[in-house]
Amino acid sequence: MAKLYVGNLPYTYNESSIRDMFSGFQEIQSVSLITDKQTGRSKGFGFVELSDADADKAIAELNGKDIGGRTVVVSIARPMEDRPRRDFGGGGNSRGGGFGGGNRSGGFNRRG
């Protein structure tokens, strides 16, 4: 079995829509759409598990295809630990993000 990442999906898609998208392939084991925990809305990506032979065909046929005005990405899913970590800055201090850096002088140097 192979697990595929399916990204850049229209936000109107649900798991049934993804299953329909892969209907031309034999053994679909599972389909999961990732949703926002608070709103329940689609995040525009999900995962499909299917046989190894079908996975290669699905990537070849569906990757880069225009679906609902969006260019869909279909590739082999990578484990979470293989993905680069995103750093949003902040440095762990209590002064907030990096915007302004705590300088409250209005952006110019006031010398008397």
Protein backbone atom coordinates (compact mmCIF):
# COMPACT_ATOMS: atom_id res chain seq x y z
CA MET A 1 0.00 0.00 0.00
CA ALA A 2 1.07 3.55 -0.72
CA LYS A 3 -0.12 6.72 0.95
CA LEU A 4 -0.52 9.73 -1.33
CA TYR A 5 -0.62 13.39 -0.42
CA VAL A 6 -3.32 15.24 -2.37
CA GLY A 7 -2.93 19.00 -2.11
CA ASN A 8 -4.26 22.29 -3.47
CA LEU A 9 -7.78 20.89 -3.55
CA PRO A 10 -10.79 23.16 -3.91
CA TYR A 11 -12.05 24.06 -0.42
CA THR A 12 -15.49 22.79 -1.42
CA TYR A 13 -14.15 19.22 -1.73
CA ASN A 14 -15.05 16.60 0.84
CA GLU A 15 -13.89 12.98 1.28
CA SER A 16 -16.52 11.79 -1.21
CA SER A 17 -15.20 14.25 -3.82
CA ILE A 18 -11.66 12.93 -3.34
CA ARG A 19 -12.89 9.34 -3.61
CA ASP A 20 -14.62 10.28 -6.90
CA MET A 21 -11.38 11.86 -8.12
CA PHE A 22 -9.59 8.52 -7.58
CA SER A 23 -12.47 6.35 -8.80
CA GLY A 24 -10.52 5.21 -11.88
CA PHE A 25 -8.08 3.32 -9.68
CA GLN A 26 -8.68 -0.13 -8.23
CA GLU A 27 -7.98 -0.53 -4.54
CA ILE A 28 -8.71 2.65 -2.59
CA GLN A 29 -8.09 1.67 1.02
CA SER A 30 -8.80 4.99 2.70
CA VAL A 31 -9.45 8.66 2.02
CA SER A 32 -8.99 11.41 4.58
CA LEU A 33 -9.50 15.14 4.18
CA ILE A 34 -7.73 17.41 6.65
CA THR A 35 -10.04 19.96 8.23
CA ASP A 36 -9.66 22.92 10.56
CA LYS A 37 -10.38 21.79 14.13
CA GLN A 38 -12.34 24.91 15.04
CA THR A 39 -14.38 25.55 11.90
CA GLY A 40 -14.55 22.07 10.36
CA ARG A 41 -13.68 23.59 6.96
CA SER A 42 -11.33 21.83 4.58
CA LYS A 43 -7.68 22.90 4.66
CA GLY A 44 -7.38 22.01 0.97
CA PHE A 45 -5.41 18.80 1.32
CA GLY A 46 -5.79 15.18 2.30
CA PHE A 47 -4.44 11.67 1.93
CA VAL A 48 -5.41 8.61 -0.10
CA GLU A 49 -4.15 5.07 0.45
CA LEU A 50 -4.14 2.68 -2.50
CA SER A 51 -2.07 -0.12 -4.03
CA ASP A 52 1.51 0.65 -5.08
CA ALA A 53 0.77 0.11 -8.79
CA ASP A 54 -2.27 2.40 -8.65
CA ALA A 55 -0.31 5.03 -6.71
CA ASP A 56 2.20 5.43 -9.55
CA LYS A 57 -0.63 5.69 -12.10
CA ALA A 58 -2.56 8.16 -9.94
CA ILE A 59 0.47 10.44 -9.60
CA ALA A 60 1.09 10.32 -13.34
CA GLU A 61 -2.56 11.04 -14.23
CA LEU A 62 -3.66 13.47 -11.51
CA ASN A 63 -0.61 15.51 -10.47
CA GLY A 64 -0.83 18.94 -12.09
CA LYS A 65 -4.42 18.42 -13.26
CA ASP A 66 -6.77 21.41 -13.09
CA ILE A 67 -9.67 20.64 -10.77
CA GLY A 68 -12.11 23.38 -9.88
CA GLY A 69 -9.69 26.06 -11.09
CA ARG A 70 -6.83 24.75 -8.95
CA THR A 71 -3.75 22.80 -10.01
CA VAL A 72 -3.85 19.68 -7.83
CA VAL A 73 -0.67 18.19 -6.34
CA VAL A 74 -0.51 14.40 -5.98
CA SER A 75 2.66 12.83 -4.58
CA ILE A 76 3.88 10.13 -2.22
CA ALA A 77 3.15 11.27 1.34
CA ARG A 78 6.17 11.83 3.56
CA PRO A 79 6.20 11.07 7.28
CA MET A 80 5.87 14.17 9.47
CA GLU A 81 9.42 13.84 10.82
CA ASP A 82 10.84 14.13 7.28
CA ARG A 83 9.31 17.57 6.72
CA PRO A 84 11.24 20.72 7.59
CA ARG A 85 10.14 22.45 10.77
CA ARG A 86 8.54 25.86 10.34
CA ASP A 87 9.87 28.64 12.55
CA PHE A 88 7.63 31.62 13.08
CA GLY A 89 10.17 33.60 15.11
CA GLY A 90 9.36 35.27 18.38
CA GLY A 91 12.37 33.85 20.20
CA GLY A 92 10.32 32.84 23.23
CA ASN A 93 10.42 36.24 24.95
CA SER A 94 7.33 38.11 26.07
CA ARG A 95 7.90 41.17 23.89
CA GLY A 96 5.93 39.83 20.97
CA GLY A 97 6.98 39.10 17.40
CA GLY A 98 9.78 40.83 15.58
CA PHE A 99 7.73 43.72 14.19
CA GLY A 100 9.10 46.96 15.59
CA GLY A 101 11.50 45.16 17.92
CA GLY A 102 10.27 47.06 20.95
CA ASN A 103 11.44 50.42 19.58
CA ARG A 104 8.73 52.86 20.63
CA SER A 105 10.46 56.02 19.38
CA GLY A 106 8.37 56.26 16.22
CA GLY A 107 11.12 55.05 13.91
CA PHE A 108 13.58 57.92 14.29
CA ASN A 109 16.24 58.75 16.81
CA ARG A 110 15.31 61.54 19.26
CA ARG A 111 18.35 63.33 20.52
CA GLY A 112 18.01 66.47 22.56
